[in-house]
Protein backbone atom coordinates (compact mmCIF):
# COMPACT_ATOMS: atom_id res chain seq x y z
CA MET A 1 39.11 2.63 -35.11
CA THR A 2 35.80 0.73 -35.45
CA THR A 3 34.71 -0.91 -38.57
CA LYS A 4 31.25 -0.57 -40.21
CA LEU A 5 30.32 -4.06 -39.03
CA GLU A 6 31.14 -3.19 -35.45
CA THR A 7 29.18 -0.03 -35.52
CA LYS A 8 26.27 -1.94 -36.89
CA GLN A 9 26.39 -4.60 -34.28
CA SER A 10 26.57 -2.02 -31.55
CA GLN A 11 23.55 -0.22 -32.95
CA GLN A 12 21.57 -3.57 -33.11
CA ASN A 13 22.43 -4.36 -29.44
CA GLU A 14 21.26 -0.94 -28.35
CA LYS A 15 17.92 -1.61 -30.05
CA LYS A 16 17.45 -4.76 -28.09
CA THR A 17 17.64 -3.12 -24.80
CA ILE A 18 14.09 -3.00 -23.24
CA PRO A 19 13.55 -0.84 -20.18
CA THR A 20 12.33 -2.83 -17.22
CA ILE A 21 10.60 -1.97 -13.78
CA LYS A 22 11.49 -4.07 -10.81
CA VAL A 23 8.04 -4.57 -9.06
CA ASP A 24 8.11 -6.40 -5.59
CA ILE A 25 4.30 -6.28 -5.22
CA LEU A 26 1.51 -6.42 -7.80
CA THR A 27 -2.10 -6.10 -6.69
CA GLY A 28 -5.37 -5.16 -8.09
CA LEU A 29 -8.55 -3.59 -6.44
CA ARG A 30 -11.90 -4.06 -7.38
CA PRO A 31 -13.71 -0.61 -6.95
CA THR A 32 -16.99 -1.66 -5.58
CA ASN A 33 -17.13 0.71 -2.67
CA ASN A 34 -15.15 3.72 -0.95
CA LEU A 35 -12.20 2.74 1.08
CA THR A 36 -12.83 1.62 4.66
CA ILE A 37 -10.72 1.17 7.65
CA ALA A 38 -10.41 -2.52 6.76
CA ASN A 39 -9.13 -1.49 3.29
CA TYR A 40 -6.58 0.66 5.03
CA LEU A 41 -5.44 -2.07 7.46
CA GLY A 42 -5.58 -4.89 4.89
CA ALA A 43 -4.17 -3.36 1.87
CA VAL A 44 -2.94 0.27 2.05
CA LYS A 45 -0.92 0.06 5.24
CA PRO A 46 1.11 -3.17 4.38
CA ILE A 47 1.93 -1.65 0.97
CA ILE A 48 3.15 1.61 2.73
CA ASP A 49 5.11 -0.34 5.18
CA LEU A 50 6.83 -2.42 2.34
CA GLN A 51 7.46 0.78 0.45
CA ASN A 52 9.25 2.35 3.50
CA LYS A 53 11.58 -0.83 3.47
CA ASN A 54 12.63 0.10 -0.29
CA HIS A 55 10.11 -2.27 -1.92
CA SER A 56 8.20 -1.07 -4.96
CA ALA A 57 4.53 -1.71 -5.47
CA LEU A 58 2.26 -1.52 -8.60
CA ILE A 59 -1.38 -1.08 -7.83
CA PHE A 60 -4.16 -1.26 -10.54
CA ILE A 61 -7.94 -0.61 -10.35
CA ALA A 62 -9.62 -3.69 -11.90
CA ASP A 63 -12.56 -1.74 -13.12
CA LEU A 64 -13.59 -4.20 -15.78
CA HIS A 65 -14.50 -6.53 -12.92
CA ALA A 66 -16.93 -3.91 -11.62
CA ILE A 67 -19.15 -4.19 -14.72
CA THR A 68 -20.60 -7.52 -13.25
CA ASP A 69 -21.69 -5.48 -10.13
CA LYS A 70 -25.45 -4.95 -9.37
CA LYS A 71 -24.88 -1.08 -9.89
CA PRO A 72 -22.19 -0.69 -12.43
CA LEU A 73 -22.92 3.09 -12.99
CA ALA A 74 -22.50 3.81 -9.28
CA VAL A 75 -19.14 1.77 -9.26
CA LYS A 76 -17.97 3.84 -12.22
CA LYS A 77 -18.30 6.87 -9.98
CA ILE A 78 -16.28 5.29 -7.24
CA ILE A 79 -13.31 4.46 -9.33
CA ASN A 80 -11.91 8.06 -9.36
CA SER A 81 -12.37 8.27 -5.56
CA VAL A 82 -10.49 4.97 -4.91
CA VAL A 83 -7.68 6.14 -7.15
CA ALA A 84 -7.43 9.37 -5.21
CA ASP A 85 -7.44 7.65 -1.99
CA TYR A 86 -4.51 5.37 -2.98
CA ILE A 87 -2.53 8.29 -4.26
């Protein structure tokens, strides 16, 4: 039989549990242009190869960096294309 104190301590311990994600690779992409063969060979293929070896990857589009570009509106259109290419 558990006491009220043990039950309360158990509930507090459950609340402290924070879900975590194990990430082996974290990389950000600056969406300044559509993907090229160089992007594939330098970034996409190595990530795929590592994922095939049971590593996890987290990829983000660093779109705030794109606002310093000469044509920020053009870059804004490219963002969705880059995301689609990586998916």
